[in-house]
Amino acid sequence: MAHLLSTSCPLKVASGCKLNSKPLSCDLVAFRTSSLSLQTSKSRFRMLVSNSERSKRNYTTHATTLPTSWQASNEPDTNFRQSSSEHSKPKRVLVIGGDGYCGWATALHLSNKGYEVAIVDSLVRRLFDHQLGLDSLTPITSIHNRIRCWKSLTGKTIELYIGDVCDFEFLSETFKSFEPNAVVHFGEQRSAPFSMIDRSRAVFTQNNNVIGTLNVLFAIKEFSEDCHLVKLGTMGEYGTPNIDIEEGYISITHNGRTDTLPYPKQASSFYHLSKVHDSNNIAFTCKAWGIRATDLNQGVVYGVRTDETEMHEELYNRFDYDGIFGTALNRFCVQAAVGHPLTVYGKGGQTRGYLDIRDTVQCVELAIANPANPGEFRVFNQFTEQFSVNELAALVTKAGEKVGIDVQTMSVPNPRVEAEEHYYNAKHTKLIELGLKPHLLSDSLLDSLLNFAIQFKDRVDIKQIMPSVSWRKIGVKTRTVAA
């Protein structure tokens, strides 16, 4: 394990308290090579700590900003179909994982649309960067500075609760304090390669994701039974079957009898398996407790800019390009920008669904504005286009030519266990029917993404580009990925 990180945010906030006027301190206190600890909200990230040294559950950190009164001009967008809830009262949306790539963009988008927004985050994603020696292509400021900047630019407040959803005491207090009408759940370890580094990361991924989601479900049941859960799933739950992928369910006729059943799952990593477990747990609680939930099986997200993150440099979103957290198109654009050959895994025929991050935030808003019914477990496939890895490489090569870059491609041994040539046809109509207006990967959009990578290419660490995690070589011993 690479480092020990201890954060100190000395702020306790009761309901209605004002934000301390002094700058908050979230400093790196100590680094060690043998263990790792993040002390927030009584949380113990136990699977990431060596047996010889455990973190102490010695304090709880809550952080918030001073709420502002609701203004009538900030009502949610009425272009979408409205639920039967009170139209005059704005929805209160809790964004779990709101400091992350998709979560931050979503929190700003919903706030800008007039929703009352609170972010819940343990800041563990930033911890991973310190642990593994990674960094965002874009410089990203602290979550506290981000929220203060948003307030100063727009007059809109985003409340902040720093803590771990695996700590049910913390989560309970958050639910009772904020009283959400909807919960958007991004708060999971979201990288397949991270979950395949070693046993400790595999166990952490499953514990964090599955237990965290179970806690959210129990919190809704106990404190906000009419709350709508919008859960970010993944298209990776389905795998690559040799038949069309439906949206969550499939009708099957067997021995003369027909039934509609959950679509078969073929997860391909411990991360994807955690998402399958989430889906099963959510489906069960909808049936047993009457919870209303929408599972957004998201494809691979690309891009970094939304209308809100472009407003100021302190609102910039993170942009991962490394082999652990970077997604395919983002990684290719950075590789092209610095003159590194595009890293195509194996034969390059791996095909997936893709979407612009601007469509991620739009899809989440559509799900919130059109909630599931009590007891209903909806599944939407959230992507807009399908591409193979080879097709993406060809598109980036063409875009590079326009800006004078000679883009090369190299085939590298595939670190994953997956089909490299396969049939792939996934349905994705339900969000379109709700009003999604996709941002398709046009030449101009790809040019913009590549130019963005060129703008920040001096921040690229070339050593982080090549894949360093092998599905077949995962072992019991905790290891540090070589920098």
Protein backbone atom coordinates (compact mmCIF):
# COMPACT_ATOMS: atom_id res chain seq x y z
CA MET A 1 0.00 0.00 0.00
CA ALA A 2 1.37 3.37 -0.94
CA HIS A 3 0.40 5.95 1.65
CA LEU A 4 -1.37 6.72 4.90
CA LEU A 5 -3.67 9.69 4.50
CA SER A 6 -5.35 11.40 7.42
CA THR A 7 -7.78 14.23 6.80
CA SER A 8 -8.75 16.85 9.31
CA CYS A 9 -11.83 18.97 8.70
CA PRO A 10 -12.52 20.48 12.13
CA LEU A 11 -16.11 21.49 11.61
CA LYS A 12 -19.21 20.18 13.36
CA VAL A 13 -22.53 21.39 12.10
CA ALA A 14 -25.88 20.87 13.70
CA SER A 15 -29.10 21.47 11.84
CA GLY A 16 -29.33 25.14 10.91
CA CYS A 17 -25.77 26.06 11.89
CA LYS A 18 -23.69 28.40 9.78
CA LEU A 19 -20.48 27.48 8.04
CA ASN A 20 -17.34 28.38 9.95
CA SER A 21 -15.96 31.49 8.33
CA LYS A 22 -12.38 30.24 8.57
CA PRO A 23 -11.00 28.12 5.72
CA LEU A 24 -11.49 24.43 6.26
CA SER A 25 -8.38 22.33 6.57
CA CYS A 26 -8.19 19.03 4.72
CA ASP A 27 -4.44 18.54 4.90
CA LEU A 28 -2.29 15.53 4.19
CA VAL A 29 -0.95 14.79 7.65
CA ALA A 30 1.21 11.73 7.20
CA PHE A 31 2.35 9.32 4.54
CA ARG A 32 3.57 5.79 5.16
CA THR A 33 4.27 2.92 2.81
CA SER A 34 2.62 0.13 4.74
CA SER A 35 -0.96 1.16 5.36
CA LEU A 36 -3.81 3.49 4.55
CA SER A 37 -6.47 5.20 6.61
CA LEU A 38 -9.15 7.78 5.95
CA GLN A 39 -10.76 9.08 9.14
CA THR A 40 -14.12 10.60 8.31
CA SER A 41 -17.53 10.02 9.79
CA LYS A 42 -16.37 7.19 12.11
CA SER A 43 -15.59 5.28 8.93
CA ARG A 44 -12.97 2.55 8.73
CA PHE A 45 -11.87 1.60 5.26
CA ARG A 46 -10.72 -1.64 6.79
CA MET A 47 -10.05 -3.55 3.61
CA LEU A 48 -7.38 -1.03 2.64
CA VAL A 49 -5.45 -1.19 5.93
CA SER A 50 -2.72 -3.70 6.79
CA ASN A 51 -3.22 -6.09 9.69
CA SER A 52 -0.49 -4.37 11.69
CA GLU A 53 -1.99 -0.90 11.63
CA ARG A 54 -5.70 0.00 11.80
CA SER A 55 -7.35 3.38 11.62
CA LYS A 56 -9.14 4.66 14.71
CA ARG A 57 -12.81 5.56 14.76
CA ASN A 58 -12.24 8.74 16.71
CA TYR A 59 -14.42 11.46 15.27
CA THR A 60 -17.22 12.36 12.93
CA THR A 61 -17.00 15.12 10.37
CA HIS A 62 -20.08 16.86 9.04
CA ALA A 63 -19.76 19.87 6.77
CA THR A 64 -22.39 22.08 5.27
CA THR A 65 -22.95 25.52 3.86
CA LEU A 66 -25.59 27.93 5.01
CA PRO A 67 -28.89 27.16 3.23
CA THR A 68 -30.54 29.95 1.30
CA SER A 69 -34.24 30.51 0.96
CA TRP A 70 -35.99 29.16 -2.09
CA GLN A 71 -36.86 31.61 -4.82
CA ALA A 72 -39.80 31.05 -7.12
CA SER A 73 -37.66 31.75 -10.19
CA ASN A 74 -35.60 28.63 -9.41
CA GLU A 75 -38.32 26.06 -9.89
CA PRO A 76 -37.28 22.80 -11.61
CA ASP A 77 -37.54 22.65 -15.39
CA THR A 78 -41.19 22.07 -16.26
CA ASN A 79 -40.52 20.71 -19.75
CA PHE A 80 -40.44 17.24 -18.25
CA ARG A 81 -43.49 15.34 -17.10
CA GLN A 82 -44.17 16.09 -13.46
CA SER A 83 -45.00 13.57 -10.77
CA SER A 84 -48.01 13.88 -8.51
CA SER A 85 -45.96 15.61 -5.78
CA GLU A 86 -46.52 19.26 -4.91
CA HIS A 87 -45.48 21.44 -7.87
CA SER A 88 -44.90 24.47 -5.66
CA LYS A 89 -42.31 22.74 -3.50
CA PRO A 90 -38.84 22.16 -4.97
CA LYS A 91 -37.47 18.65 -4.82
CA ARG A 92 -34.69 18.05 -2.34
CA VAL A 93 -32.06 15.83 -3.93
CA LEU A 94 -29.27 14.10 -2.04
CA VAL A 95 -26.33 13.35 -4.36
CA ILE A 96 -24.20 10.61 -2.83
CA GLY A 97 -20.70 10.69 -4.29
CA GLY A 98 -21.16 14.30 -5.35
CA ASP A 99 -17.42 15.05 -5.35
CA GLY A 100 -16.74 12.51 -8.11
CA TYR A 101 -16.66 12.71 -11.90
CA CYS A 102 -20.35 12.15 -12.62
CA GLY A 103 -21.58 13.23 -9.19
CA TRP A 104 -20.08 16.72 -9.25
CA ALA A 105 -21.45 17.53 -12.71
CA THR A 106 -24.85 16.19 -11.66
CA ALA A 107 -24.98 18.15 -8.40
CA LEU A 108 -24.24 21.42 -10.22
CA HIS A 109 -26.73 20.67 -12.98
CA LEU A 110 -29.55 19.92 -10.56
CA SER A 111 -28.76 22.98 -8.46
CA ASN A 112 -28.76 25.12 -11.58
CA LYS A 113 -32.16 23.71 -12.52
CA GLY A 114 -33.63 24.81 -9.21
CA TYR A 115 -33.44 21.66 -7.11
CA GLU A 116 -32.31 21.92 -3.51
CA VAL A 117 -29.14 19.83 -3.51
CA ALA A 118 -26.96 18.27 -0.85
CA ILE A 119 -23.77 16.33 -1.47
CA VAL A 120 -22.69 13.32 0.58
CA ASP A 121 -19.10 12.22 0.07
CA SER A 122 -16.34 10.55 2.10
CA LEU A 123 -13.65 12.07 -0.18
CA VAL A 124 -12.21 8.58 -0.61
CA ARG A 125 -11.84 9.07 -4.38
CA ARG A 126 -9.25 11.77 -3.70
CA LEU A 127 -7.60 9.33 -1.31
CA PHE A 128 -7.21 6.78 -4.10
CA ASP A 129 -5.24 9.31 -6.15
CA HIS A 130 -2.80 9.86 -3.29
CA GLN A 131 -2.53 6.14 -2.67
CA LEU A 132 -1.81 5.22 -6.29
CA GLY A 133 0.15 8.30 -7.31
CA LEU A 134 -2.51 9.47 -9.76
CA ASP A 135 -3.86 12.90 -10.59
CA SER A 136 -6.63 14.43 -12.64
CA LEU A 137 -5.67 15.96 -15.98
CA THR A 138 -7.57 19.02 -14.85
CA PRO A 139 -6.61 20.76 -11.62
CA ILE A 140 -9.51 20.29 -9.20
CA THR A 141 -9.94 22.31 -6.04
CA SER A 142 -11.34 21.09 -2.73
CA ILE A 143 -15.02 20.27 -2.43
CA HIS A 144 -15.41 23.16 0.02
CA ASN A 145 -13.92 25.67 -2.42
CA ARG A 146 -16.01 24.22 -5.24
CA ILE A 147 -19.22 24.78 -3.31
CA ARG A 148 -18.21 28.26 -2.18
CA CYS A 149 -17.41 29.19 -5.79
CA TRP A 150 -20.78 27.92 -6.96
CA LYS A 151 -22.51 29.96 -4.27
CA SER A 152 -20.64 33.13 -5.21
CA LEU A 153 -21.40 32.72 -8.92
CA THR A 154 -25.05 31.70 -8.73
CA GLY A 155 -26.32 32.52 -5.26
CA LYS A 156 -27.35 28.86 -4.97
CA THR A 157 -26.37 26.76 -1.97
CA ILE A 158 -25.28 23.14 -2.08
CA GLU A 159 -25.19 21.56 1.36
CA LEU A 160 -22.32 19.22 2.17
CA TYR A 161 -22.17 16.17 4.42
CA ILE A 162 -18.73 14.61 4.69
CA GLY A 163 -18.96 10.99 5.73
CA ASP A 164 -19.23 7.36 4.68
CA VAL A 165 -22.57 5.81 3.70
CA CYS A 166 -21.27 2.52 5.13
CA ASP A 167 -21.62 4.26 8.49
CA PHE A 168 -25.37 4.00 9.07
CA GLU A 169 -25.31 6.38 12.03
CA PHE A 170 -23.87 9.11 9.82
CA LEU A 171 -26.27 8.32 6.98
CA SER A 172 -29.26 8.34 9.31
CA GLU A 173 -28.38 11.78 10.65
CA THR A 174 -27.93 13.04 7.09
CA PHE A 175 -31.36 11.77 6.03
CA LYS A 176 -33.04 13.27 9.10
CA SER A 177 -31.27 16.59 8.58
CA PHE A 178 -31.78 17.04 4.84
CA GLU A 179 -35.06 15.11 4.33
CA PRO A 180 -34.52 14.24 0.64
CA ASN A 181 -37.29 13.63 -1.88
CA ALA A 182 -34.82 11.87 -4.18
CA VAL A 183 -31.43 10.24 -3.71
CA VAL A 184 -28.95 10.01 -6.56
CA HIS A 185 -26.45 7.31 -5.67
CA PHE A 186 -23.02 7.70 -7.27
CA GLY A 187 -21.22 6.85 -4.04
CA GLU A 188 -19.46 3.68 -5.09
CA GLN A 189 -15.96 2.59 -6.02
CA ARG A 190 -16.50 2.71 -9.77
CA SER A 191 -13.38 1.23 -11.39
CA ALA A 192 -13.15 -2.35 -12.62
CA PRO A 193 -9.31 -2.25 -12.70
CA PHE A 194 -9.19 -0.90 -9.12
CA SER A 195 -11.29 -3.85 -7.96
CA MET A 196 -8.83 -6.24 -9.63
CA ILE A 197 -5.57 -4.90 -8.16
CA ASP A 198 -5.50 -7.27 -5.17
CA ARG A 199 -7.68 -8.99 -2.59
CA SER A 200 -7.98 -5.93 -0.34
CA ARG A 201 -9.30 -3.72 -3.16
CA ALA A 202 -11.69 -6.46 -4.33
CA VAL A 203 -13.10 -6.81 -0.81
CA PHE A 204 -13.22 -3.05 -0.30
CA THR A 205 -15.14 -2.61 -3.56
CA GLN A 206 -17.75 -5.19 -2.64
CA ASN A 207 -18.09 -3.99 0.95
CA ASN A 208 -18.25 -0.31 0.06
CA ASN A 209 -20.66 -0.71 -2.82
CA VAL A 210 -23.01 -3.40 -1.55
CA ILE A 211 -23.16 -2.37 2.12
CA GLY A 212 -23.35 1.31 1.21
CA THR A 213 -26.33 0.71 -1.06
CA LEU A 214 -28.02 -1.49 1.54
CA ASN A 215 -27.64 1.32 4.06
CA VAL A 216 -29.22 3.77 1.63
CA LEU A 217 -32.16 1.41 1.16
CA PHE A 218 -32.65 1.05 4.92
CA ALA A 219 -32.38 4.83 5.38
CA ILE A 220 -35.10 5.39 2.79
CA LYS A 221 -37.32 2.78 4.45
CA GLU A 222 -36.81 4.25 7.91
CA PHE A 223 -36.67 7.99 7.35
CA SER A 224 -38.07 8.85 3.90
CA GLU A 225 -40.30 6.07 2.62
CA ASP A 226 -41.59 8.06 -0.37
CA CYS A 227 -38.07 9.03 -1.47
CA HIS A 228 -37.14 8.02 -5.02
CA LEU A 229 -33.78 6.22 -5.38
CA VAL A 230 -31.91 6.92 -8.62
CA LYS A 231 -29.07 4.43 -8.61
CA LEU A 232 -26.19 4.50 -11.09
CA GLY A 233 -25.67 0.99 -12.35
CA THR A 234 -23.57 -0.09 -15.31
CA MET A 235 -24.05 -1.70 -18.69
CA GLY A 236 -21.25 -3.99 -17.58
CA GLU A 237 -23.77 -5.97 -15.56
CA TYR A 238 -25.02 -7.53 -18.80
CA GLY A 239 -21.66 -8.59 -20.21
CA THR A 240 -21.59 -9.33 -23.95
CA PRO A 241 -24.34 -11.88 -24.68
CA ASN A 242 -24.91 -13.18 -28.19
CA ILE A 243 -28.46 -11.79 -28.15
CA ASP A 244 -29.86 -8.26 -27.94
CA ILE A 245 -29.59 -6.62 -24.53
CA GLU A 246 -32.97 -5.43 -23.27
CA GLU A 247 -33.54 -2.73 -20.66
CA GLY A 248 -33.44 -4.69 -17.44
CA TYR A 249 -35.98 -7.39 -18.25
CA ILE A 250 -36.52 -10.06 -20.89
CA SER A 251 -39.60 -12.11 -21.83
CA ILE A 252 -38.80 -15.82 -22.05
CA THR A 253 -40.88 -18.73 -23.28
CA HIS A 254 -39.75 -22.05 -21.85
CA ASN A 255 -41.57 -25.37 -22.17
CA GLY A 256 -44.68 -23.61 -23.35
CA ARG A 257 -44.80 -21.05 -20.53
CA THR A 258 -43.86 -17.37 -20.77
CA ASP A 259 -42.59 -15.00 -18.09
CA THR A 260 -40.79 -11.66 -17.92
CA LEU A 261 -37.63 -11.99 -15.88
CA PRO A 262 -34.58 -9.89 -15.00
CA TYR A 263 -32.13 -9.91 -17.88
CA PRO A 264 -29.29 -12.41 -17.24
CA LYS A 265 -26.15 -10.83 -15.76
CA GLN A 266 -22.61 -11.70 -16.84
CA ALA A 267 -20.40 -9.40 -14.81
CA SER A 268 -16.71 -9.30 -15.70
CA SER A 269 -14.97 -7.93 -12.57
CA PHE A 270 -15.48 -7.67 -8.83
CA TYR A 271 -16.67 -4.11 -9.45
CA HIS A 272 -19.31 -5.22 -11.95
CA LEU A 273 -20.37 -8.02 -9.63
CA SER A 274 -20.97 -5.47 -6.87
CA LYS A 275 -23.33 -3.65 -9.21
CA VAL A 276 -25.24 -6.88 -9.88
CA HIS A 277 -25.64 -7.42 -6.13
CA ASP A 278 -26.89 -3.82 -5.81
CA SER A 279 -29.51 -4.38 -8.49
CA ASN A 280 -30.77 -7.55 -6.82
CA ASN A 281 -30.97 -5.88 -3.41
CA ILE A 282 -32.81 -2.86 -4.79
CA ALA A 283 -35.28 -5.04 -6.72
CA PHE A 284 -36.00 -7.05 -3.59
CA THR A 285 -36.61 -3.99 -1.38
CA CYS A 286 -38.93 -2.47 -3.97
CA LYS A 287 -40.98 -5.65 -3.84
CA ALA A 288 -40.82 -6.15 -0.07
CA TRP A 289 -40.96 -2.56 1.21
CA GLY A 290 -42.56 -0.61 -1.62
CA ILE A 291 -39.46 1.48 -2.33
CA ARG A 292 -39.48 3.36 -5.63
CA ALA A 293 -36.22 3.03 -7.58
CA THR A 294 -34.69 3.65 -10.97
CA ASP A 295 -31.53 1.77 -11.93
CA LEU A 296 -29.57 3.66 -14.59
CA ASN A 297 -27.31 1.13 -16.30
CA GLN A 298 -24.82 3.64 -17.61
CA GLY A 299 -22.42 3.13 -20.48
CA VAL A 300 -18.90 4.54 -20.71
CA VAL A 301 -18.90 8.29 -20.05
CA TYR A 302 -16.63 10.70 -21.93
CA GLY A 303 -16.04 14.43 -21.84
CA VAL A 304 -15.53 16.83 -18.98
CA ARG A 305 -17.45 20.01 -19.69
CA THR A 306 -21.03 20.82 -18.79
CA ASP A 307 -22.73 24.21 -18.84
CA GLU A 308 -22.08 24.53 -15.12
CA THR A 309 -18.47 23.31 -14.88
CA GLU A 310 -17.47 25.75 -17.63
CA MET A 311 -18.54 28.75 -15.54
CA HIS A 312 -15.30 29.00 -13.55
CA GLU A 313 -11.99 27.15 -13.26
CA GLU A 314 -12.74 26.27 -9.62
CA LEU A 315 -15.76 24.32 -10.87
CA TYR A 316 -13.70 22.17 -13.24
CA ASN A 317 -14.54 18.49 -13.14
CA ARG A 318 -11.92 15.81 -12.75
CA PHE A 319 -10.60 14.13 -15.92
CA ASP A 320 -9.00 10.71 -15.47
CA TYR A 321 -6.68 9.36 -18.15
CA ASP A 322 -4.78 6.62 -16.30
CA GLY A 323 -5.21 2.89 -16.78
CA ILE A 324 -7.21 2.45 -13.57
CA PHE A 325 -9.87 5.19 -13.59
CA GLY A 326 -9.66 6.61 -17.11
CA THR A 327 -12.37 5.65 -19.60
CA ALA A 328 -11.52 4.69 -23.17
CA LEU A 329 -12.26 7.84 -25.17
CA ASN A 330 -10.91 10.21 -22.52
CA ARG A 331 -7.72 8.14 -22.34
CA PHE A 332 -7.30 8.08 -26.12
CA CYS A 333 -7.61 11.86 -26.40
CA VAL A 334 -4.93 12.38 -23.75
CA GLN A 335 -2.65 9.82 -25.36
CA ALA A 336 -3.01 11.58 -28.71
CA ALA A 337 -2.36 14.98 -27.12
CA VAL A 338 1.01 13.90 -25.69
CA GLY A 339 2.09 11.83 -28.71
CA HIS A 340 1.65 8.43 -27.06
CA PRO A 341 0.25 5.64 -29.28
CA LEU A 342 -3.36 4.81 -28.53
CA THR A 343 -3.48 1.71 -26.34
CA VAL A 344 -5.90 -0.74 -27.91
CA TYR A 345 -6.39 -3.81 -25.72
CA GLY A 346 -6.04 -7.00 -27.73
CA LYS A 347 -7.99 -7.13 -31.00
CA GLY A 348 -9.96 -3.96 -30.22
CA GLY A 349 -13.36 -5.33 -31.12
CA GLN A 350 -14.72 -4.79 -27.61
CA THR A 351 -17.97 -2.84 -28.13
CA ARG A 352 -19.79 -0.82 -25.49
CA GLY A 353 -22.37 1.93 -25.11
CA TYR A 354 -21.03 5.48 -24.72
CA LEU A 355 -22.46 8.84 -23.68
CA ASP A 356 -21.37 12.43 -23.15
CA ILE A 357 -21.25 13.58 -19.52
CA ARG A 358 -23.80 16.26 -20.46
CA ASP A 359 -26.19 13.40 -21.18
CA THR A 360 -25.40 11.77 -17.84
CA VAL A 361 -26.71 14.81 -15.98
CA GLN A 362 -29.68 15.10 -18.31
CA CYS A 363 -30.64 11.45 -17.77
CA VAL A 364 -30.48 11.79 -14.00
CA GLU A 365 -32.69 14.87 -14.12
CA LEU A 366 -35.21 13.04 -16.31
CA ALA A 367 -35.34 10.14 -13.85
CA ILE A 368 -35.93 12.50 -10.93
CA ALA A 369 -38.62 14.50 -12.75
CA ASN A 370 -40.40 11.26 -13.73
CA PRO A 371 -40.11 9.09 -10.62
CA ALA A 372 -40.85 5.41 -10.37
CA ASN A 373 -44.06 4.37 -8.67
CA PRO A 374 -44.00 2.95 -5.12
CA GLY A 375 -42.82 -0.65 -5.34
CA GLU A 376 -41.51 -0.20 -8.90
CA PHE A 377 -37.96 -1.12 -9.88
CA ARG A 378 -37.24 0.48 -13.25
CA VAL A 379 -34.15 -0.19 -15.33
CA PHE A 380 -33.00 2.25 -18.01
CA ASN A 381 -29.99 1.62 -20.23
CA GLN A 382 -28.20 4.96 -20.13
CA PHE A 383 -26.09 5.49 -23.24
CA THR A 384 -26.53 7.12 -26.63
CA GLU A 385 -24.20 5.36 -29.09
CA GLN A 386 -22.21 2.15 -29.47
CA PHE A 387 -18.55 2.00 -30.50
CA SER A 388 -15.81 -0.59 -30.57
CA VAL A 389 -12.37 0.30 -29.24
CA ASN A 390 -11.03 0.20 -32.81
CA GLU A 391 -13.75 2.61 -33.95
CA LEU A 392 -12.85 5.05 -31.17
CA ALA A 393 -9.18 4.84 -32.10
CA ALA A 394 -10.02 5.64 -35.73
CA LEU A 395 -12.14 8.65 -34.69
CA VAL A 396 -9.35 10.05 -32.49
CA THR A 397 -6.81 9.47 -35.25
CA LYS A 398 -8.97 11.48 -37.65
CA ALA A 399 -9.47 14.26 -35.11
CA GLY A 400 -5.72 14.38 -34.53
CA GLU A 401 -5.07 14.93 -38.21
CA LYS A 402 -7.20 18.08 -38.12
CA VAL A 403 -5.00 19.68 -35.47
CA GLY A 404 -1.72 18.47 -36.96
CA ILE A 405 -1.11 15.46 -34.70
CA ASP A 406 0.15 12.20 -36.17
CA VAL A 407 -1.76 9.70 -34.03
CA GLN A 408 -0.43 6.16 -33.90
CA THR A 409 -2.15 3.08 -32.52
CA MET A 410 -0.60 0.12 -30.73
CA SER A 411 -2.12 -3.18 -29.69
CA VAL A 412 -1.23 -4.13 -26.12
CA PRO A 413 -1.92 -7.44 -24.35
CA ASN A 414 -5.41 -7.29 -22.94
CA PRO A 415 -5.20 -7.13 -19.13
CA ARG A 416 -8.87 -8.06 -18.84
CA VAL A 417 -10.70 -11.34 -19.30
CA GLU A 418 -13.25 -10.48 -21.98
CA ALA A 419 -14.35 -11.27 -25.52
CA GLU A 420 -12.37 -9.10 -27.96
CA GLU A 421 -14.74 -9.73 -30.87
CA HIS A 422 -18.44 -10.18 -30.16
CA TYR A 423 -22.02 -9.30 -30.98
CA TYR A 424 -23.37 -6.26 -29.16
CA ASN A 425 -26.77 -4.64 -29.60
CA ALA A 426 -28.24 -2.99 -26.51
CA LYS A 427 -31.64 -1.30 -26.35
CA HIS A 428 -31.78 2.27 -25.00
CA THR A 429 -35.19 3.78 -25.73
CA LYS A 430 -36.76 4.55 -22.35
CA LEU A 431 -34.80 7.72 -21.62
CA ILE A 432 -35.36 8.94 -25.17
CA GLU A 433 -39.09 8.47 -24.57
CA LEU A 434 -38.79 10.62 -21.43
CA GLY A 435 -37.24 13.43 -23.45
CA LEU A 436 -33.47 12.82 -23.60
CA LYS A 437 -31.85 14.96 -26.31
CA PRO A 438 -28.49 13.25 -26.87
CA HIS A 439 -25.16 14.94 -27.54
CA LEU A 440 -23.78 12.54 -30.15
CA LEU A 441 -20.07 12.14 -30.79
CA SER A 442 -19.77 14.48 -33.75
CA ASP A 443 -16.49 15.60 -35.32
CA SER A 444 -16.78 18.99 -33.63
CA LEU A 445 -17.35 17.46 -30.20
CA LEU A 446 -14.37 15.14 -30.58
CA ASP A 447 -12.24 18.06 -31.77
CA SER A 448 -13.24 19.99 -28.65
CA LEU A 449 -12.36 17.07 -26.39
CA LEU A 450 -8.98 16.61 -28.03
CA ASN A 451 -8.21 20.33 -27.80
CA PHE A 452 -9.11 20.20 -24.12
CA ALA A 453 -6.59 17.41 -23.62
CA ILE A 454 -3.97 19.43 -25.50
CA GLN A 455 -4.65 22.43 -23.25
CA PHE A 456 -3.66 20.45 -20.15
CA LYS A 457 -1.10 18.07 -21.65
CA ASP A 458 1.70 19.45 -19.45
CA ARG A 459 -0.07 17.80 -16.49
CA VAL A 460 0.07 14.32 -18.02
CA ASP A 461 2.15 11.66 -16.25
CA ILE A 462 3.22 9.35 -19.07
CA LYS A 463 3.93 6.53 -16.59
CA GLN A 464 0.19 6.28 -15.82
CA ILE A 465 -0.92 5.60 -19.39
CA MET A 466 -0.15 1.91 -19.83
CA PRO A 467 -2.37 -0.65 -18.09
CA SER A 468 -0.88 -1.99 -14.88
CA VAL A 469 -3.64 -4.25 -13.51
CA SER A 470 -4.16 -7.80 -14.76
CA TRP A 471 -7.36 -9.75 -14.17
CA ARG A 472 -5.39 -13.03 -14.18
CA LYS A 473 -2.60 -11.91 -11.85
CA ILE A 474 -4.73 -10.55 -9.00
CA GLY A 475 -3.43 -11.95 -5.74
CA VAL A 476 -3.96 -12.09 -2.00
CA LYS A 477 -1.06 -9.84 -1.09
CA THR A 478 -1.83 -6.13 -0.93
CA ARG A 479 0.31 -4.36 -3.49
CA THR A 480 1.06 -0.89 -4.72
CA VAL A 481 0.64 -0.34 -8.44
CA ALA A 482 4.01 0.71 -9.82
CA ALA A 483 4.27 4.42 -10.60
